[in-house]
Amino acid sequence: MADFLQVTPQTSVRDTLKLMFKDNRLRVIVVEEGRLAGIVSTHDLVKRVLWKGKPLDTVEIKDVMTRKVSFVTPQDDIRHIANLLYHTGIRCVPVVSEGAVVGIV
């Protein structure tokens, strides 16, 4: 499990990209009122914003984030997590404990 960056759904794409590049991260967890709201990757931002020529200051993360996010708990077995990643084709998964994001695998 690793540390993670987080933003709110109202964060602009520009501010999110600045944060991602500053910390050299490929994805950001979106949290609203302490709960997992979504996830967004650099790939998502390029595909859904930059490629379409949308202005970075006016697009909010809630407009481009993935809302239906698979997650695991700290108690989940590593084999379960590996199977989830393999069978869904996702590259990372948030770790949620008692409703709050505590890390990322």
Protein backbone atom coordinates (compact mmCIF):
# COMPACT_ATOMS: atom_id res chain seq x y z
CA MET A 1 0.00 0.00 0.00
CA ALA A 2 1.30 3.44 -0.92
CA ASP A 3 0.55 7.06 -0.12
CA PHE A 4 -1.77 8.84 -2.51
CA LEU A 5 -2.69 12.26 -3.77
CA GLN A 6 -6.22 13.47 -3.32
CA VAL A 7 -8.37 16.25 -4.69
CA THR A 8 -12.03 17.19 -4.41
CA PRO A 9 -14.51 16.89 -7.28
CA GLN A 10 -14.45 20.69 -7.66
CA THR A 11 -10.68 20.88 -8.20
CA SER A 12 -9.78 22.17 -11.65
CA VAL A 13 -7.93 19.99 -14.12
CA ARG A 14 -5.12 22.56 -14.16
CA ASP A 15 -4.62 22.36 -10.39
CA THR A 16 -4.82 18.58 -10.46
CA LEU A 17 -2.19 18.33 -13.19
CA LYS A 18 0.11 20.68 -11.26
CA LEU A 19 -0.22 18.47 -8.20
CA MET A 20 0.35 15.29 -10.18
CA PHE A 21 3.45 16.59 -11.95
CA LYS A 22 4.88 18.10 -8.76
CA ASP A 23 4.69 14.74 -6.99
CA ASN A 24 5.38 12.66 -10.13
CA ARG A 25 2.13 10.69 -9.80
CA LEU A 26 0.01 9.14 -12.54
CA ARG A 27 -3.30 9.11 -10.67
CA VAL A 28 -5.23 10.99 -8.02
CA ILE A 29 -7.96 9.83 -5.67
CA VAL A 30 -11.05 12.05 -5.61
CA VAL A 31 -12.48 12.46 -2.12
CA GLU A 32 -15.69 14.21 -1.11
CA GLU A 33 -16.62 14.67 2.54
CA GLY A 34 -13.95 12.15 3.53
CA ARG A 35 -15.30 9.43 1.24
CA LEU A 36 -14.06 7.94 -2.03
CA ALA A 37 -15.80 9.75 -4.88
CA GLY A 38 -13.67 8.72 -7.83
CA ILE A 39 -10.25 8.38 -9.38
CA VAL A 40 -8.54 10.15 -12.26
CA SER A 41 -5.33 9.36 -14.12
CA THR A 42 -3.10 11.33 -16.45
CA HIS A 43 -4.45 9.12 -19.23
CA ASP A 44 -8.01 10.21 -18.35
CA LEU A 45 -7.00 13.87 -18.38
CA VAL A 46 -5.23 13.64 -21.72
CA LYS A 47 -8.06 11.66 -23.33
CA ARG A 48 -11.02 13.59 -21.88
CA VAL A 49 -9.64 17.13 -21.64
CA LEU A 50 -6.36 17.89 -23.40
CA TRP A 51 -7.06 15.89 -26.56
CA LYS A 52 -10.44 17.60 -26.90
CA GLY A 53 -8.91 21.06 -26.42
CA LYS A 54 -10.97 21.92 -23.36
CA PRO A 55 -9.72 24.78 -21.13
CA LEU A 56 -7.88 23.39 -18.12
CA ASP A 57 -9.07 26.13 -15.76
CA THR A 58 -12.78 25.62 -16.33
CA VAL A 59 -13.05 21.81 -16.33
CA GLU A 60 -13.51 20.29 -12.89
CA ILE A 61 -12.33 16.83 -11.94
CA LYS A 62 -15.92 15.70 -11.31
CA ASP A 63 -16.50 16.07 -15.06
CA VAL A 64 -13.72 13.65 -16.05
CA MET A 65 -13.16 11.31 -13.09
CA THR A 66 -14.11 7.65 -13.02
CA ARG A 67 -16.96 7.40 -10.53
CA LYS A 68 -17.45 3.66 -10.31
CA VAL A 69 -14.24 2.71 -8.54
CA SER A 70 -13.28 -0.76 -7.38
CA PHE A 71 -11.62 -0.71 -3.97
CA VAL A 72 -10.17 -3.07 -1.39
CA THR A 73 -9.79 -3.01 2.38
CA PRO A 74 -6.64 -3.39 4.49
CA GLN A 75 -7.87 -6.86 5.45
CA ASP A 76 -8.08 -8.11 1.85
CA ASP A 77 -5.62 -10.84 0.91
CA ILE A 78 -2.94 -9.90 -1.64
CA ARG A 79 -4.17 -12.72 -3.92
CA HIS A 80 -7.65 -11.16 -3.95
CA ILE A 81 -6.13 -7.78 -4.86
CA ALA A 82 -3.95 -9.31 -7.59
CA ASN A 83 -6.95 -11.12 -9.06
CA LEU A 84 -9.01 -7.92 -9.00
CA LEU A 85 -6.29 -5.99 -10.84
CA TYR A 86 -5.74 -8.79 -13.35
CA HIS A 87 -9.37 -9.51 -14.17
CA THR A 88 -10.54 -5.90 -14.35
CA GLY A 89 -7.49 -4.58 -16.21
CA ILE A 90 -7.03 -1.70 -13.78
CA ARG A 91 -3.56 -0.72 -12.65
CA CYS A 92 -4.27 0.43 -9.13
CA VAL A 93 -6.97 0.19 -6.52
CA PRO A 94 -7.77 2.45 -3.54
CA VAL A 95 -7.65 0.94 -0.07
CA VAL A 96 -10.70 1.97 1.99
CA SER A 97 -11.14 1.49 5.71
CA GLU A 98 -14.38 2.50 7.47
CA GLY A 99 -15.37 4.57 4.46
CA ALA A 100 -12.12 6.59 4.26
CA VAL A 101 -9.33 6.13 1.73
CA VAL A 102 -6.17 5.08 3.57
CA GLY A 103 -3.89 4.16 0.66
CA ILE A 104 -3.54 2.80 -2.83
CA VAL A 105 -2.19 -0.46 -4.24
